[in-house]
Amino acid sequence: MALERRRVHYQGRVQGVGFRFTAARLAPGFDVSGSVRNLSDGRVELEAQGEPDLLSEFLAAIRGELGPKIHRADEEALPVDPDEAPGDFQIRY
């Protein structure tokens, strides 16, 4: 099972709209691990790891629910974290 890890910085009206809770609610359905947090500059940062197809579907589901609030999403690949437990997705504060 190949894994990928991605970081996405979301911009727009993404804080104060339930973005983190939506991501955390959706994550178990895609068996992804990682975290989501608000940044002090008004963006939301999401890091997620999982099988490539499920990871892409998870990010598409976030856009499907929150798309009108997202004005920009900058995505980058990260090295896989071998110590991260599958399915462990958290809201970070």
N, C-alpha and C. Protein backbone atom coordinates (compact mmCIF):
# COMPACT_ATOMS: atom_id res chain seq x y z
N MET A 1 0.85 -1.19 0.00
CA MET A 1 0.00 0.00 0.00
C MET A 1 0.89 1.25 0.00
N ALA A 2 0.91 1.96 -1.11
CA ALA A 2 1.67 3.21 -1.21
C ALA A 2 0.88 4.33 -0.53
N LEU A 3 1.59 5.20 0.14
CA LEU A 3 0.96 6.34 0.81
C LEU A 3 1.52 7.63 0.24
N GLU A 4 0.73 8.67 0.36
CA GLU A 4 1.15 10.03 0.03
C GLU A 4 0.81 10.93 1.20
N ARG A 5 1.53 12.02 1.30
CA ARG A 5 1.24 13.04 2.31
C ARG A 5 1.21 14.38 1.60
N ARG A 6 0.20 15.17 1.92
CA ARG A 6 0.06 16.48 1.30
C ARG A 6 -0.25 17.54 2.35
N ARG A 7 0.24 18.74 2.07
CA ARG A 7 -0.10 19.91 2.88
C ARG A 7 -0.88 20.85 1.97
N VAL A 8 -1.99 21.37 2.49
CA VAL A 8 -2.80 22.33 1.73
C VAL A 8 -3.02 23.55 2.61
N HIS A 9 -2.75 24.72 2.04
CA HIS A 9 -3.08 25.98 2.70
C HIS A 9 -4.29 26.56 2.00
N TYR A 10 -5.37 26.70 2.74
CA TYR A 10 -6.62 27.23 2.21
C TYR A 10 -6.75 28.70 2.58
N GLN A 11 -7.16 29.50 1.60
CA GLN A 11 -7.40 30.92 1.81
C GLN A 11 -8.83 31.24 1.41
N GLY A 12 -9.35 32.28 2.01
CA GLY A 12 -10.71 32.72 1.75
C GLY A 12 -11.41 32.97 3.06
N ARG A 13 -12.69 32.68 3.10
CA ARG A 13 -13.43 32.77 4.37
C ARG A 13 -13.42 31.38 4.98
N VAL A 14 -12.26 30.99 5.50
CA VAL A 14 -12.05 29.62 5.95
C VAL A 14 -11.94 29.47 7.46
N GLN A 15 -11.91 30.59 8.18
CA GLN A 15 -11.91 30.51 9.64
C GLN A 15 -13.26 31.01 10.15
N GLY A 16 -13.72 30.36 11.21
CA GLY A 16 -15.00 30.74 11.79
C GLY A 16 -16.20 30.19 11.04
N VAL A 17 -15.97 29.20 10.18
CA VAL A 17 -17.06 28.62 9.38
C VAL A 17 -17.16 27.10 9.56
N GLY A 18 -16.45 26.56 10.55
CA GLY A 18 -16.50 25.12 10.79
C GLY A 18 -15.57 24.31 9.89
N PHE A 19 -14.58 24.95 9.30
CA PHE A 19 -13.68 24.27 8.37
C PHE A 19 -12.97 23.10 9.05
N ARG A 20 -12.36 23.35 10.20
CA ARG A 20 -11.60 22.30 10.88
C ARG A 20 -12.51 21.13 11.28
N PHE A 21 -13.68 21.45 11.77
CA PHE A 21 -14.60 20.40 12.21
C PHE A 21 -15.13 19.60 11.02
N THR A 22 -15.34 20.27 9.90
CA THR A 22 -15.77 19.57 8.69
C THR A 22 -14.69 18.61 8.22
N ALA A 23 -13.45 19.08 8.18
CA ALA A 23 -12.34 18.21 7.77
C ALA A 23 -12.22 17.00 8.70
N ALA A 24 -12.31 17.23 10.00
CA ALA A 24 -12.19 16.14 10.97
C ALA A 24 -13.37 15.17 10.86
N ARG A 25 -14.55 15.67 10.53
CA ARG A 25 -15.72 14.81 10.36
C ARG A 25 -15.61 13.95 9.11
N LEU A 26 -15.04 14.51 8.04
CA LEU A 26 -14.93 13.78 6.79
C LEU A 26 -13.78 12.76 6.78
N ALA A 27 -12.71 13.04 7.49
CA ALA A 27 -11.49 12.23 7.42
C ALA A 27 -11.71 10.73 7.65
N PRO A 28 -12.46 10.30 8.65
CA PRO A 28 -12.62 8.86 8.86
C PRO A 28 -13.22 8.11 7.68
N GLY A 29 -14.03 8.77 6.90
CA GLY A 29 -14.65 8.14 5.74
C GLY A 29 -13.67 7.86 4.61
N PHE A 30 -12.48 8.44 4.71
CA PHE A 30 -11.47 8.26 3.66
C PHE A 30 -10.20 7.59 4.20
N ASP A 31 -10.22 7.20 5.47
CA ASP A 31 -9.10 6.52 6.11
C ASP A 31 -7.79 7.30 5.93
N VAL A 32 -7.86 8.62 6.16
CA VAL A 32 -6.66 9.44 6.12
C VAL A 32 -6.28 9.86 7.53
N SER A 33 -5.01 10.12 7.70
CA SER A 33 -4.51 10.63 8.97
C SER A 33 -3.96 12.04 8.73
N GLY A 34 -3.68 12.74 9.80
CA GLY A 34 -3.10 14.07 9.68
C GLY A 34 -3.74 15.04 10.65
N SER A 35 -3.76 16.32 10.23
CA SER A 35 -4.28 17.35 11.12
C SER A 35 -4.72 18.56 10.32
N VAL A 36 -5.47 19.41 11.00
CA VAL A 36 -5.94 20.67 10.42
C VAL A 36 -5.86 21.71 11.52
N ARG A 37 -5.46 22.94 11.14
CA ARG A 37 -5.38 24.01 12.13
C ARG A 37 -5.54 25.37 11.47
N ASN A 38 -5.99 26.33 12.26
CA ASN A 38 -6.06 27.71 11.82
C ASN A 38 -4.67 28.32 11.95
N LEU A 39 -4.31 29.19 11.01
CA LEU A 39 -3.07 29.93 11.08
C LEU A 39 -3.37 31.38 11.45
N SER A 40 -2.41 32.05 12.04
CA SER A 40 -2.63 33.42 12.51
C SER A 40 -2.86 34.41 11.36
N ASP A 41 -2.50 34.04 10.14
CA ASP A 41 -2.70 34.94 9.00
C ASP A 41 -4.06 34.77 8.32
N GLY A 42 -4.95 33.96 8.92
CA GLY A 42 -6.30 33.80 8.39
C GLY A 42 -6.49 32.58 7.51
N ARG A 43 -5.41 31.87 7.20
CA ARG A 43 -5.51 30.65 6.39
C ARG A 43 -5.77 29.45 7.30
N VAL A 44 -6.14 28.35 6.67
CA VAL A 44 -6.24 27.06 7.35
C VAL A 44 -5.20 26.14 6.71
N GLU A 45 -4.46 25.43 7.56
CA GLU A 45 -3.46 24.48 7.09
C GLU A 45 -3.94 23.07 7.37
N LEU A 46 -3.93 22.25 6.33
CA LEU A 46 -4.33 20.86 6.46
C LEU A 46 -3.16 19.99 5.99
N GLU A 47 -2.79 19.00 6.79
CA GLU A 47 -1.84 17.98 6.36
C GLU A 47 -2.56 16.65 6.44
N ALA A 48 -2.48 15.89 5.37
CA ALA A 48 -3.18 14.61 5.34
C ALA A 48 -2.31 13.57 4.65
N GLN A 49 -2.45 12.34 5.13
CA GLN A 49 -1.69 11.21 4.61
C GLN A 49 -2.62 10.04 4.40
N GLY A 50 -2.44 9.34 3.28
CA GLY A 50 -3.25 8.17 3.00
C GLY A 50 -2.95 7.65 1.61
N GLU A 51 -3.73 6.67 1.19
CA GLU A 51 -3.59 6.15 -0.16
C GLU A 51 -3.94 7.26 -1.13
N PRO A 52 -3.21 7.38 -2.24
CA PRO A 52 -3.39 8.52 -3.15
C PRO A 52 -4.83 8.77 -3.59
N ASP A 53 -5.56 7.74 -3.98
CA ASP A 53 -6.94 7.92 -4.44
C ASP A 53 -7.83 8.43 -3.31
N LEU A 54 -7.69 7.84 -2.12
CA LEU A 54 -8.52 8.26 -0.99
C LEU A 54 -8.15 9.67 -0.54
N LEU A 55 -6.88 10.00 -0.60
CA LEU A 55 -6.44 11.34 -0.23
C LEU A 55 -7.03 12.37 -1.19
N SER A 56 -7.00 12.09 -2.47
CA SER A 56 -7.60 13.01 -3.46
C SER A 56 -9.11 13.13 -3.25
N GLU A 57 -9.77 12.03 -2.95
CA GLU A 57 -11.22 12.06 -2.70
C GLU A 57 -11.53 12.87 -1.44
N PHE A 58 -10.71 12.74 -0.42
CA PHE A 58 -10.89 13.49 0.83
C PHE A 58 -10.79 14.99 0.55
N LEU A 59 -9.76 15.39 -0.17
CA LEU A 59 -9.60 16.81 -0.49
C LEU A 59 -10.73 17.32 -1.36
N ALA A 60 -11.22 16.49 -2.28
CA ALA A 60 -12.37 16.87 -3.11
C ALA A 60 -13.63 17.00 -2.26
N ALA A 61 -13.79 16.15 -1.26
CA ALA A 61 -14.96 16.22 -0.38
C ALA A 61 -14.94 17.52 0.43
N ILE A 62 -13.76 17.93 0.88
CA ILE A 62 -13.64 19.20 1.60
C ILE A 62 -14.06 20.34 0.68
N ARG A 63 -13.55 20.32 -0.54
CA ARG A 63 -13.91 21.36 -1.50
C ARG A 63 -15.41 21.31 -1.81
N GLY A 64 -15.97 20.11 -1.86
CA GLY A 64 -17.40 19.96 -2.13
C GLY A 64 -18.26 20.59 -1.05
N GLU A 65 -17.84 20.48 0.18
CA GLU A 65 -18.63 21.05 1.28
C GLU A 65 -18.32 22.51 1.55
N LEU A 66 -17.08 22.91 1.33
CA LEU A 66 -16.66 24.26 1.72
C LEU A 66 -16.22 25.12 0.54
N GLY A 67 -16.38 24.60 -0.68
CA GLY A 67 -15.89 25.27 -1.87
C GLY A 67 -16.19 26.75 -2.00
N PRO A 68 -17.42 27.20 -1.75
CA PRO A 68 -17.71 28.62 -1.89
C PRO A 68 -16.90 29.51 -0.95
N LYS A 69 -16.42 28.94 0.14
CA LYS A 69 -15.65 29.71 1.11
C LYS A 69 -14.15 29.71 0.78
N ILE A 70 -13.73 28.76 -0.07
CA ILE A 70 -12.32 28.64 -0.42
C ILE A 70 -12.05 29.46 -1.67
N HIS A 71 -11.16 30.43 -1.55
CA HIS A 71 -10.79 31.24 -2.70
C HIS A 71 -9.50 30.74 -3.35
N ARG A 72 -8.70 30.06 -2.56
CA ARG A 72 -7.43 29.54 -3.07
C ARG A 72 -6.99 28.38 -2.20
N ALA A 73 -6.39 27.37 -2.83
CA ALA A 73 -5.84 26.22 -2.10
C ALA A 73 -4.48 25.90 -2.71
N ASP A 74 -3.44 26.10 -1.93
CA ASP A 74 -2.07 25.81 -2.37
C ASP A 74 -1.65 24.47 -1.77
N GLU A 75 -1.37 23.52 -2.65
CA GLU A 75 -1.09 22.14 -2.23
C GLU A 75 0.36 21.80 -2.53
N GLU A 76 0.99 21.07 -1.60
CA GLU A 76 2.35 20.59 -1.83
C GLU A 76 2.50 19.18 -1.28
N ALA A 77 3.38 18.43 -1.91
CA ALA A 77 3.67 17.06 -1.45
C ALA A 77 4.67 17.14 -0.31
N LEU A 78 4.50 16.25 0.66
CA LEU A 78 5.42 16.13 1.79
C LEU A 78 5.90 14.69 1.89
N PRO A 79 7.02 14.48 2.58
CA PRO A 79 7.44 13.10 2.83
C PRO A 79 6.42 12.39 3.72
N VAL A 80 6.21 11.13 3.46
CA VAL A 80 5.31 10.31 4.27
C VAL A 80 5.88 10.17 5.68
N ASP A 81 5.02 10.26 6.67
CA ASP A 81 5.42 10.07 8.07
C ASP A 81 5.15 8.62 8.44
N PRO A 82 6.19 7.77 8.53
CA PRO A 82 5.97 6.36 8.81
C PRO A 82 5.44 6.08 10.21
N ASP A 83 5.55 7.06 11.10
CA ASP A 83 5.10 6.86 12.48
C ASP A 83 3.66 7.28 12.71
N GLU A 84 3.04 7.88 11.71
CA GLU A 84 1.66 8.34 11.89
C GLU A 84 0.69 7.17 11.78
N ALA A 85 -0.18 7.07 12.76
CA ALA A 85 -1.15 5.97 12.80
C ALA A 85 -2.22 6.19 11.74
N PRO A 86 -2.51 5.18 10.93
CA PRO A 86 -3.57 5.31 9.91
C PRO A 86 -4.90 5.69 10.55
N GLY A 87 -5.59 6.62 9.92
CA GLY A 87 -6.90 7.02 10.41
C GLY A 87 -6.90 8.00 11.56
N ASP A 88 -5.72 8.43 12.02
CA ASP A 88 -5.63 9.36 13.15
C ASP A 88 -5.60 10.79 12.60
N PHE A 89 -6.76 11.44 12.55
CA PHE A 89 -6.87 12.81 12.06
C PHE A 89 -7.30 13.70 13.20
N GLN A 90 -6.59 14.80 13.41
CA GLN A 90 -6.84 15.65 14.58
C GLN A 90 -6.98 17.11 14.22
N ILE A 91 -7.72 17.81 15.03
CA ILE A 91 -7.74 19.27 14.98
C ILE A 91 -6.62 19.75 15.90
N ARG A 92 -5.76 20.60 15.37
CA ARG A 92 -4.68 21.16 16.19
C ARG A 92 -5.02 22.59 16.53
N TYR A 93 -4.62 22.98 17.73
CA TYR A 93 -4.89 24.35 18.20
C TYR A 93 -3.59 25.09 18.44
